[in-house]
């Protein structure tokens, strides 16, 4: 059995630790990739994955209807909280280092990086929606349950975000 929902239900109802282990193995790498795609440093993403699963395991049995969507909602919240904590701490910026950094403005950019920058230009809610839908592979229904929105709204917002990406891509090609 590999269905995430069934695995979590077995874990919650029967205390099946092996079912949770399988769920973890299915989701941990994809969750890490998701956090990195959202701009998190690779090393920090490992910590966030651990924190996310800790919080997930403490709360998922209360309502295991959509465990994957719930897991990613926790991860997004963990990343936002981490970002807020980091911004609150003082940073010692070394201006000499900034002057020694290579000029990358004239270097060619690959299509993956270009697309990533286009996605980053969208509003954070649109970014999350597209990442949940196309990176993680959640259905519109799962996203709607996770975000407490009607499924039609999620479909419309996803289509709108994709149209924005297409338009920005087209505008750049026309230049």
Protein backbone atom coordinates (compact mmCIF):
# COMPACT_ATOMS: atom_id res chain seq x y z
CA UNK A 1 0.00 0.00 0.00
CA UNK A 2 1.47 3.35 -1.03
CA UNK A 3 -1.51 5.73 -0.95
CA UNK A 4 -0.47 8.51 1.47
CA UNK A 5 -3.96 8.90 2.89
CA UNK A 6 -4.24 5.18 3.66
CA UNK A 7 -0.76 5.09 5.17
CA UNK A 8 -1.57 7.91 7.57
CA UNK A 9 -4.92 6.38 8.44
CA UNK A 10 -3.15 3.11 9.31
CA UNK A 11 -0.67 5.05 11.41
CA UNK A 12 -3.40 6.98 13.23
CA UNK A 13 -5.90 4.15 13.74
CA UNK A 14 -3.59 1.19 14.29
CA UNK A 15 -0.37 2.81 15.44
CA UNK A 16 1.42 1.30 12.43
CA UNK A 17 4.87 2.94 12.58
CA UNK A 18 5.94 1.18 9.38
CA UNK A 19 3.09 2.88 7.50
CA UNK A 20 4.37 6.23 8.73
CA UNK A 21 7.91 5.26 7.71
CA UNK A 22 6.71 4.57 4.16
CA UNK A 23 4.84 7.90 4.13
CA UNK A 24 7.99 9.67 5.32
CA UNK A 25 10.13 8.01 2.64
CA UNK A 26 7.60 9.04 -0.02
CA UNK A 27 7.35 12.65 1.07
CA UNK A 28 10.62 13.81 2.66
CA UNK A 29 12.67 14.32 -0.51
CA UNK A 30 9.82 15.99 -2.38
CA UNK A 31 9.19 18.26 0.60
CA UNK A 32 12.88 19.21 0.70
CA UNK A 33 12.80 19.96 -3.06
CA UNK A 34 9.68 22.06 -2.58
CA UNK A 35 11.34 24.16 0.12
CA UNK A 36 14.46 24.64 -2.01
CA UNK A 37 12.26 25.65 -4.96
CA UNK A 38 10.68 28.25 -2.67
CA UNK A 39 14.12 29.76 -2.11
CA UNK A 40 15.24 28.00 1.05
CA UNK A 41 18.95 27.16 1.40
CA UNK A 42 19.55 23.40 1.02
CA UNK A 43 20.98 22.92 4.52
CA UNK A 44 18.20 24.92 6.10
CA UNK A 45 15.60 22.94 4.11
CA UNK A 46 16.75 19.73 5.84
CA UNK A 47 16.07 21.33 9.22
CA UNK A 48 12.67 22.56 8.07
CA UNK A 49 11.74 19.08 6.80
CA UNK A 50 12.55 17.64 10.23
CA UNK A 51 10.61 20.37 12.02
CA UNK A 52 7.69 19.93 9.63
CA UNK A 53 7.46 16.19 10.20
CA UNK A 54 7.68 16.70 13.96
CA UNK A 55 4.76 19.10 13.91
CA UNK A 56 2.92 16.89 11.41
CA UNK A 57 3.21 13.75 13.53
CA UNK A 58 1.94 15.66 16.57
CA UNK A 59 -1.24 16.86 14.85
CA UNK A 60 -2.13 14.73 11.81
CA UNK A 61 -4.23 12.16 13.66
CA UNK A 62 -6.77 14.81 14.63
CA UNK A 63 -7.86 15.11 10.97
CA UNK A 64 -6.03 12.82 8.52
CA UNK A 65 -8.29 13.59 5.50
CA UNK A 66 -5.63 15.19 3.31
CA UNK A 67 -2.25 14.39 4.87
CA UNK A 68 -0.02 15.50 1.98
CA UNK A 69 -1.70 18.89 1.68
CA UNK A 70 -1.53 19.27 5.46
CA UNK A 71 2.18 18.38 5.46
CA UNK A 72 2.94 21.08 2.89
CA UNK A 73 0.85 23.68 4.70
CA UNK A 74 2.95 23.02 7.81
CA UNK A 75 6.16 23.29 5.75
CA UNK A 76 5.11 26.63 4.27
CA UNK A 77 4.26 27.96 7.73
CA UNK A 78 7.57 26.66 9.12
CA UNK A 79 9.47 28.37 6.31
CA UNK A 80 7.63 31.65 6.84
CA UNK A 81 8.25 31.50 10.60
CA UNK A 82 11.93 30.75 9.99
CA UNK A 83 12.21 33.66 7.59
CA UNK A 84 10.62 35.98 10.13
CA UNK A 85 13.01 34.83 12.86
CA UNK A 86 16.01 35.32 10.55
CA UNK A 87 14.88 38.81 9.58
CA UNK A 88 14.50 39.75 13.23
CA UNK A 89 18.09 38.82 14.04
CA UNK A 90 20.83 41.32 13.27
CA UNK A 91 22.96 40.57 10.22
CA UNK A 92 26.53 41.74 9.82
CA UNK A 93 26.82 42.60 6.13
CA UNK A 94 30.37 42.69 4.84
CA UNK A 95 30.49 45.39 2.14
CA UNK A 96 33.92 44.25 0.92
CA UNK A 97 32.46 40.85 0.04
CA UNK A 98 29.68 42.48 -1.99
CA UNK A 99 32.25 44.40 -4.03
CA UNK A 100 34.19 41.21 -4.78
CA UNK A 101 31.11 39.29 -5.99
CA UNK A 102 31.19 38.44 -9.70
CA UNK A 103 28.95 40.39 -12.06
CA UNK A 104 26.32 37.90 -13.19
CA UNK A 105 24.13 40.39 -15.03
CA UNK A 106 25.83 39.69 -18.35
CA UNK A 107 25.98 35.91 -17.98
CA UNK A 108 23.41 33.82 -19.88
CA UNK A 109 20.64 32.29 -17.82
CA UNK A 110 19.36 28.76 -18.44
CA UNK A 111 15.67 28.11 -19.07
CA UNK A 112 15.14 26.42 -15.70
CA UNK A 113 16.54 29.44 -13.87
CA UNK A 114 14.54 31.77 -16.12
CA UNK A 115 11.30 29.92 -15.34
CA UNK A 116 12.16 29.89 -11.65
CA UNK A 117 12.61 33.68 -11.76
CA UNK A 118 9.27 34.05 -13.55
CA UNK A 119 7.55 32.01 -10.85
CA UNK A 120 9.27 34.12 -8.17
CA UNK A 121 7.80 37.23 -9.81
CA UNK A 122 4.30 36.02 -8.96
CA UNK A 123 2.54 36.79 -5.70
CA UNK A 124 3.48 34.34 -2.92
CA UNK A 125 -0.01 32.76 -2.89
CA UNK A 126 0.23 32.11 -6.63
CA UNK A 127 3.71 30.64 -6.23
CA UNK A 128 2.52 28.27 -3.51
CA UNK A 129 -0.50 27.24 -5.52
CA UNK A 130 1.58 26.42 -8.61
CA UNK A 131 4.20 24.58 -6.57
CA UNK A 132 1.53 22.53 -4.80
CA UNK A 133 -0.23 21.72 -8.07
CA UNK A 134 2.61 21.12 -10.50
CA UNK A 135 5.66 20.39 -8.34
CA UNK A 136 4.09 18.29 -5.63
CA UNK A 137 1.24 17.01 -7.77
CA UNK A 138 -1.64 17.75 -5.41
CA UNK A 139 -5.07 17.79 -6.99
CA UNK A 140 -7.18 20.93 -7.06
CA UNK A 141 -9.42 19.27 -4.49
CA UNK A 142 -6.52 18.58 -2.09
CA UNK A 143 -5.26 22.13 -2.44
CA UNK A 144 -8.77 23.48 -1.84
CA UNK A 145 -9.11 21.39 1.34
CA UNK A 146 -5.71 22.55 2.54
CA UNK A 147 -6.35 26.23 1.88
CA UNK A 148 -10.03 26.13 2.94
CA UNK A 149 -11.14 27.44 -0.45
CA UNK A 150 -13.74 26.20 -2.91
CA UNK A 151 -12.26 23.89 -5.54
CA UNK A 152 -13.46 26.19 -8.34
CA UNK A 153 -11.54 29.08 -6.81
CA UNK A 154 -8.35 27.02 -6.72
CA UNK A 155 -8.84 26.04 -10.39
CA UNK A 156 -9.43 29.66 -11.39
CA UNK A 157 -6.44 30.96 -9.41
CA UNK A 158 -4.15 28.25 -10.86
CA UNK A 159 -5.30 29.08 -14.40
CA UNK A 160 -4.79 32.79 -13.73
CA UNK A 161 -1.26 32.23 -12.39
CA UNK A 162 -0.36 30.10 -15.41
CA UNK A 163 -1.71 32.78 -17.73
CA UNK A 164 0.44 35.39 -15.98
CA UNK A 165 3.51 33.19 -16.49
CA UNK A 166 2.67 32.67 -20.17
CA UNK A 167 2.15 36.41 -20.68
CA UNK A 168 5.43 37.33 -18.95
CA UNK A 169 7.28 34.69 -20.98
CA UNK A 170 5.73 36.02 -24.19
CA UNK A 171 6.53 39.62 -23.26
CA UNK A 172 10.19 38.69 -22.69
CA UNK A 173 10.39 36.83 -26.01
CA UNK A 174 8.93 39.83 -27.83
CA UNK A 175 11.69 42.11 -26.50
